[in-house]
Amino acid sequence: MTDLGNLPFTELWPRITTLRSPPFVPELKLHLVTAQSPWWTLEPEALAHSPYRDPYWAFCWPGGAGLARYLFALGASLKGRTVYDIGTGCGIVALAAARCGAHRVIANDIDPWALEASARNADANHLTLELSAENLVGTSLPEESLVVLGDMLYAPEQSQEVLAWGYALRSRGCTVLFADPCRGYGLPQASAKAWFEVAAEVDPGDGTCRAHVGIWELDAP
């Protein structure tokens, strides 16, 4: 069997992904790893020395899907806005903002392969994204920007850092939205603006799973 984990990205991409619309976000098409992909059954040891050993950018995670759905509900209110999608992964949230007519959409991720994936997904949807590899957490962003973060509260200490930054941005005039499948790292469930039941195919052991995803807009401190 070909050593998929060490192929150049341009060769790897068409072998491991399928262009499809996620069930919860039919407005977009994404190149995703599915249960039919040879990547799905690879053991972790097979990727130990691969540059793609953590290919989260080839999956549509529940928080991202829920946040994309929420942006589509906001619709025309995004026209003319500048949107920063932090930890963009496959780019689904950034693409939703672009499809809704945002003036500028910055897809930000410190993983260069996530930006490669986002660029290919943008091409598949005939949309334009600006790509940023800078670690923006802790930095200042332009006032009145919309800052969106899906599935970015995945560990206790990391979540505290990201939330503190989010509140700092909110105090400077940004709108800050988080989406998370109830991990419980700092956002009380009672304050969520919306809830979605999202079907996601992200775990080879579990197949398609359903997640209860909340959407939070940070209040000014």
Protein backbone atom coordinates (compact mmCIF):
# COMPACT_ATOMS: atom_id res chain seq x y z
CA MET A 1 0.00 0.00 0.00
CA THR A 2 1.27 3.51 -0.84
CA ASP A 3 2.71 5.36 2.15
CA LEU A 4 -0.04 7.99 2.20
CA GLY A 5 1.40 9.80 5.19
CA ASN A 6 4.47 10.92 3.26
CA LEU A 7 2.98 11.88 -0.10
CA PRO A 8 3.23 15.52 -1.22
CA PHE A 9 0.06 17.36 -0.26
CA THR A 10 -1.01 17.83 -3.88
CA GLU A 11 -0.98 14.03 -4.33
CA LEU A 12 -2.36 13.19 -0.90
CA TRP A 13 -5.40 15.48 -1.10
CA PRO A 14 -7.33 13.77 -3.94
CA ARG A 15 -6.53 10.30 -2.55
CA ILE A 16 -7.88 10.81 0.97
CA THR A 17 -10.76 13.26 0.53
CA THR A 18 -14.12 13.37 -1.22
CA LEU A 19 -15.86 16.58 -2.28
CA ARG A 20 -19.21 16.62 -0.53
CA SER A 21 -21.66 18.84 1.34
CA PRO A 22 -21.72 18.30 5.11
CA PRO A 23 -25.25 17.22 6.18
CA PHE A 24 -25.71 20.26 8.40
CA VAL A 25 -24.34 22.82 5.91
CA PRO A 26 -25.63 21.92 2.44
CA GLU A 27 -24.77 25.40 1.11
CA LEU A 28 -21.08 24.47 0.93
CA LYS A 29 -18.94 21.69 -0.51
CA LEU A 30 -15.81 20.52 1.31
CA HIS A 31 -13.04 18.06 0.59
CA LEU A 32 -13.42 15.70 3.57
CA VAL A 33 -12.11 12.38 4.81
CA THR A 34 -15.01 9.93 4.94
CA ALA A 35 -15.41 6.35 6.11
CA GLN A 36 -14.60 5.25 2.55
CA SER A 37 -11.21 6.98 2.57
CA PRO A 38 -8.02 4.90 3.01
CA TRP A 39 -6.99 7.48 5.60
CA TRP A 40 -9.89 6.49 7.84
CA THR A 41 -8.46 3.09 8.69
CA LEU A 42 -4.81 4.07 9.17
CA GLU A 43 -3.38 3.27 12.59
CA PRO A 44 -1.88 6.24 14.51
CA GLU A 45 1.55 4.60 14.29
CA ALA A 46 1.40 4.86 10.51
CA LEU A 47 1.28 8.65 10.80
CA ALA A 48 3.84 9.04 13.60
CA HIS A 49 6.48 10.53 11.30
CA SER A 50 4.14 12.09 8.77
CA PRO A 51 3.79 15.86 8.34
CA TYR A 52 0.02 15.23 8.33
CA ARG A 53 -0.11 13.24 11.56
CA ASP A 54 -3.01 15.28 12.96
CA PRO A 55 -5.18 15.98 9.89
CA TYR A 56 -8.02 17.73 11.71
CA TRP A 57 -8.33 20.02 8.66
CA ALA A 58 -9.80 17.14 6.62
CA PHE A 59 -12.86 16.80 8.88
CA CYS A 60 -15.91 18.99 9.47
CA TRP A 61 -16.07 19.29 13.25
CA PRO A 62 -19.36 19.88 15.07
CA GLY A 63 -18.52 23.33 16.42
CA GLY A 64 -17.49 24.57 13.00
CA ALA A 65 -20.62 23.16 11.38
CA GLY A 66 -22.84 24.73 14.04
CA LEU A 67 -21.12 28.11 13.74
CA ALA A 68 -21.41 28.03 9.95
CA ARG A 69 -25.13 27.31 10.31
CA TYR A 70 -25.46 30.26 12.70
CA LEU A 71 -23.69 32.60 10.25
CA PHE A 72 -26.05 31.53 7.49
CA ALA A 73 -28.92 32.45 9.82
CA LEU A 74 -27.38 35.93 10.25
CA GLY A 75 -27.20 36.15 6.47
CA ALA A 76 -27.18 39.64 4.99
CA SER A 77 -26.12 41.24 8.29
CA LEU A 78 -22.58 40.03 7.51
CA LYS A 79 -22.36 42.08 4.31
CA GLY A 80 -19.54 44.58 4.45
CA ARG A 81 -17.98 43.14 7.62
CA THR A 82 -14.46 41.94 8.27
CA VAL A 83 -14.46 38.40 9.69
CA TYR A 84 -11.58 36.55 11.36
CA ASP A 85 -12.02 32.77 11.59
CA ILE A 86 -9.53 31.63 14.23
CA GLY A 87 -8.42 27.99 13.99
CA THR A 88 -10.11 27.70 10.61
CA GLY A 89 -9.32 24.00 10.03
CA CYS A 90 -11.16 22.98 6.85
CA GLY A 91 -12.41 26.56 6.47
CA ILE A 92 -16.14 25.91 6.83
CA VAL A 93 -16.87 28.93 9.06
CA ALA A 94 -14.79 31.30 6.93
CA LEU A 95 -16.53 30.02 3.81
CA ALA A 96 -19.97 30.56 5.35
CA ALA A 97 -19.01 34.16 6.15
CA ALA A 98 -17.78 34.68 2.59
CA ARG A 99 -20.94 33.15 1.10
CA CYS A 100 -23.02 35.54 3.25
CA GLY A 101 -21.25 38.52 1.68
CA ALA A 102 -18.62 39.56 4.24
CA HIS A 103 -16.25 42.16 2.78
CA ARG A 104 -13.06 40.46 4.03
CA VAL A 105 -12.73 36.98 5.48
CA ILE A 106 -9.42 36.00 7.08
CA ALA A 107 -9.01 32.24 7.57
CA ASN A 108 -6.41 31.92 10.31
CA ASP A 109 -4.60 28.76 11.42
CA ILE A 110 -1.06 28.06 12.62
CA ASP A 111 -1.08 24.73 10.75
CA PRO A 112 -0.03 25.35 7.12
CA TRP A 113 -1.92 22.24 5.96
CA ALA A 114 -5.15 23.70 7.33
CA LEU A 115 -4.59 26.75 5.16
CA GLU A 116 -3.90 24.51 2.15
CA ALA A 117 -7.17 22.69 2.83
CA SER A 118 -9.08 25.95 3.29
CA ALA A 119 -7.72 27.31 0.02
CA ARG A 120 -8.83 24.20 -1.88
CA ASN A 121 -12.25 24.32 -0.25
CA ALA A 122 -12.56 27.99 -1.18
CA ASP A 123 -11.78 27.13 -4.80
CA ALA A 124 -14.41 24.37 -4.75
CA ASN A 125 -17.03 26.94 -3.67
CA HIS A 126 -15.81 29.79 -5.92
CA LEU A 127 -15.17 31.95 -2.87
CA THR A 128 -12.21 34.09 -1.81
CA LEU A 129 -10.46 33.87 1.56
CA GLU A 130 -7.42 35.66 2.91
CA LEU A 131 -5.09 33.13 4.55
CA SER A 132 -3.16 33.89 7.73
CA ALA A 133 -0.64 31.58 9.44
CA GLU A 134 0.16 33.99 12.28
CA ASN A 135 -0.76 33.03 15.84
CA LEU A 136 -3.34 35.77 16.39
CA VAL A 137 -4.37 34.70 19.90
CA GLY A 138 -3.36 37.51 22.23
CA THR A 139 -2.99 40.13 19.50
CA SER A 140 -5.15 43.16 18.70
CA LEU A 141 -7.60 42.97 15.81
CA PRO A 142 -9.38 45.86 14.10
CA GLU A 143 -12.35 47.33 15.96
CA GLU A 144 -15.78 46.18 14.82
CA SER A 145 -14.37 42.95 13.36
CA LEU A 146 -16.39 39.77 13.76
CA VAL A 147 -14.17 37.13 15.35
CA VAL A 148 -15.45 33.55 15.13
CA LEU A 149 -14.01 30.51 16.90
CA GLY A 150 -15.41 27.03 16.36
CA ASP A 151 -14.12 24.06 18.39
CA MET A 152 -11.38 26.21 19.94
CA LEU A 153 -12.16 25.35 23.58
CA TYR A 154 -10.68 21.86 23.67
CA ALA A 155 -8.45 21.91 26.79
CA PRO A 156 -8.76 23.72 30.16
CA GLU A 157 -5.67 25.99 30.12
CA GLN A 158 -5.87 26.68 26.39
CA SER A 159 -9.55 27.56 26.74
CA GLN A 160 -8.82 30.08 29.51
CA GLU A 161 -6.23 31.79 27.29
CA VAL A 162 -8.52 31.95 24.27
CA LEU A 163 -11.53 33.16 26.29
CA ALA A 164 -9.46 35.89 27.99
CA TRP A 165 -8.36 37.07 24.55
CA GLY A 166 -11.94 36.97 23.32
CA TYR A 167 -13.12 39.18 26.16
CA ALA A 168 -10.24 41.60 25.49
CA LEU A 169 -11.29 41.84 21.84
CA ARG A 170 -14.91 42.40 22.89
CA SER A 171 -13.84 45.29 25.15
CA ARG A 172 -12.17 46.90 22.11
CA GLY A 173 -15.32 46.78 20.01
CA CYS A 174 -15.14 43.40 18.25
CA THR A 175 -18.03 40.95 18.10
CA VAL A 176 -16.80 37.54 19.30
CA LEU A 177 -18.66 34.28 18.66
CA PHE A 178 -17.70 30.87 20.06
CA ALA A 179 -19.15 27.50 19.10
CA ASP A 180 -18.50 24.43 21.22
CA PRO A 181 -20.05 20.96 21.75
CA CYS A 182 -20.50 21.28 25.52
CA ARG A 183 -16.95 20.58 26.65
CA GLY A 184 -17.56 22.82 29.66
CA TYR A 185 -14.37 24.88 29.57
CA GLY A 186 -15.62 28.29 30.61
CA LEU A 187 -18.89 29.06 28.82
CA PRO A 188 -22.07 28.47 30.88
CA GLN A 189 -24.69 26.57 28.91
CA ALA A 190 -27.47 28.88 30.09
CA SER A 191 -25.94 31.89 28.30
CA ALA A 192 -25.79 30.34 24.82
CA LYS A 193 -27.56 32.27 22.05
CA ALA A 194 -28.46 29.13 20.08
CA TRP A 195 -28.18 25.33 20.14
CA PHE A 196 -27.85 22.91 17.25
CA GLU A 197 -27.86 19.13 17.00
CA VAL A 198 -25.03 18.46 14.54
CA ALA A 199 -24.23 15.16 12.83
CA ALA A 200 -20.48 14.83 12.20
CA GLU A 201 -18.24 12.12 10.78
CA VAL A 202 -14.97 12.67 12.63
CA ASP A 203 -14.03 9.50 14.50
CA PRO A 204 -13.14 6.21 12.81
CA GLY A 205 -14.11 4.37 15.97
CA ASP A 206 -17.57 5.90 16.23
CA GLY A 207 -18.52 6.69 12.64
CA THR A 208 -21.14 9.43 12.44
CA CYS A 209 -21.81 11.03 15.81
CA ARG A 210 -24.26 13.66 16.97
CA ALA A 211 -23.17 16.63 19.06
CA HIS A 212 -25.12 19.29 20.96
CA VAL A 213 -23.40 22.51 19.85
CA GLY A 214 -23.87 25.85 21.57
CA ILE A 215 -23.22 29.32 20.12
CA TRP A 216 -22.05 32.08 22.44
CA GLU A 217 -21.59 35.80 21.81
CA LEU A 218 -19.29 37.34 24.41
CA ASP A 219 -20.63 40.29 26.37
CA ALA A 220 -18.48 43.30 27.13
CA PRO A 221 -16.67 42.79 30.46
